[in-house]
Structures are given as C-alpha cells and as structure tokens.
C-alpha cells in the first residue's frame, strides 16, 4: 500500500481498515492532493514565465508589467485559499465532529502522498492523536515507534514525548507520564522551539498538571480546572469533550451525581466516535 517498500508501514496502514478508516474520505483526500499538485504546478509555471519575461524583454506581452503580476497574485491567493479551506475542513472532522474514522481516512492518504520529513512528522502526529482519541492505544504505540523513521528528528522528539504523555494518560500510567514530561523539559531547554511547537509543549505541560492532580487525588482543584475548559466557548468541541469526560470521572470520584450526569450527557451528545463517548455509552 505504501509504495515505499516498507512492509511494516504497510501492515500498520492496513490495520486502519480493521477499525474502519473511511474510504470515501480517502478518495476525497486523493482528489484534493491531485488538484493541489496541479495548482502548484500552474503557480510555478506562471511565476517562471514572469521571471523569463523580466529578463527577456523581447518576449514581453502587452501590458505584461501589469497582467503577469496580477495573474501571479490571483493564482497564489487561490492556492492559499484552497489550502485554508481544506485545513478548516480537516479541523472540523477532528476538533468539532470528533470523527475518528473519517480523520484516519484523511491521514492515511496524507501520510503516503506528502513525502517531506516535516510533513510526515505532522501527519504521523495527527494520526496518532486520532488513534488515541479512538481508544486504539496499541496501534498508536506502534505508530509512535514508526514515526521516528520518517519524521524530521526535531519534530519527532517533541511530538513523540507529547503523544506518549497522551497515551499514558489514557492508560493512567502517571509515572511514565512524568518521564515524558522530563524529556519535554529537556528538549525545550536544549533545542530551539518554534512557536507552533511551543504550543504543543505547553499542551503537554497542562496535561501533566491535570494528571498530577488526579494522581494525588486533589479532585476539588482538578474539577475546577476541567470545568474552566469544559464550559469555555472559545475552545474546540474536542477540548470540551475531553474535559467533560474527565470532569465526569472526577465528579464520580467526589460523589457529585448532578455534575457527573451533566458532563456525561455532554460527552454522549457531542463525543462523535471517540472512546470518551463509547465508554460512557457502555456505562449506561
């Protein structure tokens, strides 16, 4: 399947079929990538011709000093708007719809078609987060190991640490989370962290803080922290679902039946195909 002569990766990608990766979403993603490449080619051709006419005045077209720059701007803006629309679409699947199977359909094709180490690291990262969100921890762990072979090393280190923290949170292995938090601090201290990666680092720090409260049974403090996110309007639906799931479990520990039911109802209504919803539906 991978067409890059990696049997182990082929097997990992094939395992997505067992958990229902959306085929229609895969086909749509293939079409998107094909159009994106055609659009990028047109952009380069227009840009190259503009440069050619700049250095070869004898080949200039009438009013080319106005027309060509306008063509470049139109094509470039269209290309960027096309990218932005797709990013928004994918963000909706993951952050708003919480649809694990559709997201895996997008990511399997994206992982195969975008070959740069930076793209591969990011696509592995999103796929692994989606697998954890779906409760597929064993497969997520295999993908974390595989990511190291394909991704840009700097990204793999920080992504790997945060992903392992999320994995250990699902497994409630707080000691292992502590080890990964130490690794994240080391990376942040020793390496150059770009703003987008700094955001990932900070999210890991928050996850560890919440897990520490759970581990130390500081349920009153933990519930207040979770409620702040669960009731916020500016965060994504996924963030509210996750916070509501752990708020439900915290309220359960505290014996607060009213809050327990409130957060349970939210997760069941808005949790898509995540393990958060599946677990609470089966608890009925």
Protein backbone atom coordinates (compact mmCIF):
# COMPACT_ATOMS: atom_id res chain seq x y z
CA UNK A 1 0.00 0.00 0.00
CA UNK A 2 2.70 2.48 0.93
CA UNK A 3 4.66 2.05 -2.33
CA UNK A 4 7.83 2.91 -0.43
CA UNK A 5 8.98 -0.67 0.19
CA UNK A 6 8.25 -0.71 3.91
CA UNK A 7 6.39 -3.87 4.85
CA UNK A 8 5.97 -2.81 8.47
CA UNK A 9 4.38 0.51 7.49
CA UNK A 10 2.13 -1.31 5.01
CA UNK A 11 0.93 -3.56 7.82
CA UNK A 12 0.29 -0.60 10.11
CA UNK A 13 -1.68 1.21 7.42
CA UNK A 14 -3.67 -1.94 6.69
CA UNK A 15 -4.66 -2.19 10.35
CA UNK A 16 -6.64 1.02 9.89
CA UNK A 17 -9.11 -0.98 7.79
CA UNK A 18 -9.88 -3.12 10.83
CA UNK A 19 -11.03 -0.07 12.74
CA UNK A 20 -13.00 1.38 9.84
CA UNK A 21 -10.90 4.13 8.22
CA UNK A 22 -13.33 5.99 5.96
CA UNK A 23 -12.81 5.01 2.28
CA UNK A 24 -14.86 7.90 0.91
CA UNK A 25 -12.68 10.33 2.87
CA UNK A 26 -9.58 8.67 1.42
CA UNK A 27 -10.84 9.18 -2.14
CA UNK A 28 -11.73 12.80 -1.41
CA UNK A 29 -8.24 13.36 0.02
CA UNK A 30 -6.66 11.80 -3.08
CA UNK A 31 -8.60 14.22 -5.29
CA UNK A 32 -7.60 17.14 -3.11
CA UNK A 33 -3.90 16.26 -3.28
CA UNK A 34 -4.08 15.82 -7.07
CA UNK A 35 -5.72 19.25 -7.50
CA UNK A 36 -3.23 20.78 -5.08
CA UNK A 37 -0.28 19.48 -7.13
CA UNK A 38 -1.81 20.73 -10.40
CA UNK A 39 -2.44 24.13 -8.84
CA UNK A 40 1.12 24.26 -7.50
CA UNK A 41 2.47 23.41 -10.96
CA UNK A 42 0.42 26.20 -12.57
CA UNK A 43 1.70 28.61 -9.93
CA UNK A 44 5.33 27.70 -10.69
CA UNK A 45 4.77 27.94 -14.46
CA UNK A 46 3.20 31.40 -14.16
CA UNK A 47 5.96 32.54 -11.82
CA UNK A 48 8.71 31.13 -14.08
CA UNK A 49 7.21 32.82 -17.16
CA UNK A 50 7.03 36.11 -15.25
CA UNK A 51 10.72 35.84 -14.41
CA UNK A 52 11.53 34.89 -18.01
CA UNK A 53 9.82 37.96 -19.43
CA UNK A 54 11.53 40.11 -16.82
CA UNK A 55 14.99 39.10 -18.05
CA UNK A 56 13.98 38.75 -21.71
CA UNK A 57 12.13 41.97 -22.62
CA UNK A 58 11.81 40.86 -26.27
CA UNK A 59 9.35 38.15 -25.11
CA UNK A 60 7.22 40.51 -23.04
CA UNK A 61 3.46 40.55 -23.64
CA UNK A 62 1.38 43.74 -24.00
CA UNK A 63 0.90 45.33 -20.59
CA UNK A 64 2.81 42.39 -19.13
CA UNK A 65 4.16 44.55 -16.35
CA UNK A 66 0.58 44.70 -15.01
CA UNK A 67 -1.04 41.49 -16.28
CA UNK A 68 1.60 38.96 -15.19
CA UNK A 69 1.88 40.16 -11.58
CA UNK A 70 -1.92 40.13 -11.37
CA UNK A 71 -2.01 36.54 -12.67
CA UNK A 72 0.63 35.50 -10.12
CA UNK A 73 -1.33 37.15 -7.29
CA UNK A 74 -4.64 35.58 -8.37
CA UNK A 75 -3.16 32.08 -8.69
CA UNK A 76 -1.25 32.40 -5.40
CA UNK A 77 -4.29 33.67 -3.49
CA UNK A 78 -6.45 30.90 -4.96
CA UNK A 79 -3.85 28.30 -3.96
CA UNK A 80 -3.66 29.61 -0.39
CA UNK A 81 -7.45 29.86 -0.05
CA UNK A 82 -7.76 26.28 -1.32
CA UNK A 83 -5.26 25.15 1.33
CA UNK A 84 -7.04 27.10 4.05
CA UNK A 85 -10.43 25.67 3.12
CA UNK A 86 -9.05 22.13 3.35
CA UNK A 87 -7.37 22.81 6.69
CA UNK A 88 -10.66 24.12 8.04
CA UNK A 89 -12.46 21.05 6.71
CA UNK A 90 -10.00 18.66 8.38
CA UNK A 91 -10.10 20.69 11.59
CA UNK A 92 -13.89 20.28 11.61
CA UNK A 93 -13.63 16.49 11.37
CA UNK A 94 -11.14 16.26 14.22
CA UNK A 95 -11.92 19.17 16.53
CA UNK A 96 -15.65 19.63 16.04
CA UNK A 97 -17.14 16.35 14.77
CA UNK A 98 -14.66 14.18 16.73
CA UNK A 99 -14.94 11.62 13.94
CA UNK A 100 -12.10 9.11 14.31
CA UNK A 101 -12.80 7.02 11.20
CA UNK A 102 -13.10 9.98 8.82
CA UNK A 103 -9.92 11.50 10.17
CA UNK A 104 -7.99 8.26 9.74
CA UNK A 105 -9.16 8.16 6.10
CA UNK A 106 -7.69 11.63 5.58
CA UNK A 107 -4.43 10.87 7.37
CA UNK A 108 -3.64 7.53 5.74
CA UNK A 109 -3.55 9.14 2.29
CA UNK A 110 -1.84 12.30 3.55
CA UNK A 111 0.90 10.21 5.14
CA UNK A 112 1.56 8.44 1.84
CA UNK A 113 1.34 11.42 -0.51
CA UNK A 114 3.20 14.15 1.39
CA UNK A 115 6.77 12.86 1.49
CA UNK A 116 8.85 15.56 3.21
CA UNK A 117 10.13 14.67 6.68
CA UNK A 118 8.34 17.67 8.19
CA UNK A 119 5.01 16.77 6.57
CA UNK A 120 5.43 13.15 7.54
CA UNK A 121 6.11 14.05 11.19
CA UNK A 122 2.98 16.22 11.34
CA UNK A 123 0.80 13.64 9.62
CA UNK A 124 2.05 10.88 11.93
CA UNK A 125 1.34 13.19 14.88
CA UNK A 126 -2.26 13.84 13.81
CA UNK A 127 -2.90 10.19 13.01
CA UNK A 128 -1.55 9.03 16.38
CA UNK A 129 -3.61 11.64 18.26
CA UNK A 130 -6.67 10.38 16.36
CA UNK A 131 -5.90 6.76 17.24
CA UNK A 132 -5.56 7.67 20.93
CA UNK A 133 -8.81 9.63 20.68
CA UNK A 134 -10.45 6.48 19.34
CA UNK A 135 -9.02 4.35 22.14
CA UNK A 136 -6.66 2.35 19.89
CA UNK A 137 -3.67 2.59 22.21
CA UNK A 138 -1.77 -0.48 21.00
CA UNK A 139 -1.81 0.70 17.39
CA UNK A 140 -0.98 4.26 18.45
CA UNK A 141 2.13 3.00 20.24
CA UNK A 142 3.28 1.18 17.09
CA UNK A 143 2.85 4.36 15.05
CA UNK A 144 4.84 6.40 17.58
CA UNK A 145 7.77 4.00 17.10
CA UNK A 146 7.41 4.17 13.31
CA UNK A 147 7.26 7.97 13.26
CA UNK A 148 10.93 8.11 14.29
CA UNK A 149 11.95 6.50 10.98
CA UNK A 150 10.17 9.00 8.75
CA UNK A 151 9.75 12.34 10.51
CA UNK A 152 12.09 15.29 10.93
CA UNK A 153 14.12 14.33 14.05
CA UNK A 154 13.50 17.54 15.99
CA UNK A 155 9.73 17.30 15.47
CA UNK A 156 9.70 13.58 16.20
CA UNK A 157 11.31 14.14 19.60
CA UNK A 158 8.80 16.72 20.81
CA UNK A 159 5.81 15.06 19.10
CA UNK A 160 6.84 11.68 20.47
CA UNK A 161 7.01 13.00 24.04
CA UNK A 162 3.57 14.67 23.95
CA UNK A 163 1.97 11.68 22.23
CA UNK A 164 3.39 9.29 24.80
CA UNK A 165 2.03 11.53 27.54
CA UNK A 166 -1.44 11.36 26.00
CA UNK A 167 -1.10 7.62 25.59
CA UNK A 168 -0.04 7.15 29.22
CA UNK A 169 -2.88 9.41 30.34
CA UNK A 170 -5.32 7.06 28.62
CA UNK A 171 -3.62 4.13 30.34
CA UNK A 172 -3.37 6.09 33.64
CA UNK A 173 0.35 5.38 33.88
CA UNK A 174 1.34 8.55 35.74
CA UNK A 175 4.94 7.52 36.42
CA UNK A 176 5.56 7.08 32.69
CA UNK A 177 3.95 10.48 32.08
CA UNK A 178 6.46 12.01 34.49
CA UNK A 179 9.34 10.56 32.49
CA UNK A 180 7.98 12.06 29.26
CA UNK A 181 7.42 15.44 30.92
CA UNK A 182 11.07 15.42 31.98
CA UNK A 183 12.04 14.65 28.38
CA UNK A 184 9.87 17.51 27.11
CA UNK A 185 11.54 19.94 29.52
CA UNK A 186 14.96 18.77 28.34
CA UNK A 187 14.01 19.31 24.70
CA UNK A 188 12.61 22.75 25.46
CA UNK A 189 15.83 23.70 27.26
CA UNK A 190 18.36 22.28 24.83
CA UNK A 191 16.76 22.83 21.42
CA UNK A 192 15.23 25.71 19.51
CA UNK A 193 11.46 25.52 19.92
CA UNK A 194 9.40 27.29 17.25
CA UNK A 195 6.10 28.97 18.24
CA UNK A 196 3.92 26.16 16.82
CA UNK A 197 5.94 23.51 18.67
CA UNK A 198 5.93 25.62 21.82
CA UNK A 199 2.14 25.35 21.77
CA UNK A 200 2.46 21.55 21.67
CA UNK A 201 4.91 21.70 24.58
CA UNK A 202 2.54 23.84 26.64
CA UNK A 203 -0.37 21.50 25.97
CA UNK A 204 1.78 18.64 27.27
CA UNK A 205 2.56 20.61 30.41
CA UNK A 206 -1.15 21.20 31.03
CA UNK A 207 -1.96 17.52 30.52
CA UNK A 208 0.73 16.58 33.02
CA UNK A 209 -0.54 19.10 35.58
CA UNK A 210 -4.08 17.73 35.31
CA UNK A 211 -2.84 14.14 35.57
CA UNK A 212 -0.79 15.04 38.66
CA UNK A 213 -3.91 16.39 40.36
CA UNK A 214 -5.72 13.15 39.55
CA UNK A 215 -2.83 11.04 40.80
CA UNK A 216 -2.66 12.99 44.08
CA UNK A 217 -6.46 12.81 44.44
CA UNK A 218 -6.83 16.60 44.51
CA UNK A 219 -10.27 16.26 42.98
CA UNK A 220 -11.69 19.65 44.03
CA UNK A 221 -8.86 21.54 42.32
CA UNK A 222 -8.92 19.22 39.31
CA UNK A 223 -12.65 19.60 38.75
CA UNK A 224 -12.37 23.40 38.77
CA UNK A 225 -9.57 23.25 36.19
CA UNK A 226 -11.55 20.90 33.96
CA UNK A 227 -14.76 22.89 34.26
CA UNK A 228 -12.94 26.01 33.10
CA UNK A 229 -12.22 24.28 29.78
CA UNK A 230 -15.47 22.31 29.56
CA UNK A 231 -17.55 25.48 29.89
CA UNK A 232 -15.40 27.74 27.71
CA UNK A 233 -16.95 28.90 24.44
CA UNK A 234 -13.68 29.69 22.64
CA UNK A 235 -12.23 26.15 22.72
CA UNK A 236 -12.96 23.34 20.26
CA UNK A 237 -15.67 20.76 20.77
CA UNK A 238 -12.96 18.09 21.18
CA UNK A 239 -11.38 20.05 24.05
CA UNK A 240 -14.78 20.33 25.74
CA UNK A 241 -15.50 16.63 25.19
CA UNK A 242 -12.15 15.61 26.70
CA UNK A 243 -12.53 17.96 29.64
CA UNK A 244 -16.13 16.87 30.19
CA UNK A 245 -15.09 13.21 30.15
CA UNK A 246 -12.50 13.74 32.89
CA UNK A 247 -14.84 16.13 34.74
CA UNK A 248 -17.40 13.30 34.72
CA UNK A 249 -14.88 10.88 36.18
CA UNK A 250 -13.71 13.43 38.76
CA UNK A 251 -17.29 14.23 39.81
CA UNK A 252 -17.85 10.48 40.08
CA UNK A 253 -14.90 10.22 42.47
CA UNK A 254 -16.34 13.10 44.51
CA UNK A 255 -19.83 11.63 44.57
CA UNK A 256 -21.36 14.67 42.85
CA UNK A 257 -24.20 12.97 40.94
CA UNK A 258 -25.55 16.16 39.34
CA UNK A 259 -22.26 17.19 37.75
CA UNK A 260 -21.48 13.60 36.87
CA UNK A 261 -24.70 13.38 34.84
CA UNK A 262 -24.23 16.83 33.26
CA UNK A 263 -20.79 16.02 31.86
CA UNK A 264 -21.77 12.51 30.90
CA UNK A 265 -24.68 13.85 28.84
CA UNK A 266 -22.40 16.33 27.03
CA UNK A 267 -19.87 13.65 26.08
CA UNK A 268 -22.55 11.26 24.82
CA UNK A 269 -24.20 14.01 22.75
CA UNK A 270 -21.02 15.54 21.28
CA UNK A 271 -18.33 12.87 21.51
CA UNK A 272 -18.55 11.61 17.93
CA UNK A 273 -16.82 8.25 17.61
CA UNK A 274 -14.24 8.82 20.36
CA UNK A 275 -13.52 6.41 23.18
CA UNK A 276 -14.81 9.10 25.55
CA UNK A 277 -18.32 8.64 24.18
CA UNK A 278 -18.08 4.87 23.69
CA UNK A 279 -17.00 4.34 27.28
CA UNK A 280 -19.80 6.46 28.73
CA UNK A 281 -22.47 4.98 26.46
CA UNK A 282 -21.47 1.50 27.63
CA UNK A 283 -21.65 2.73 31.24
CA UNK A 284 -25.42 3.35 30.90
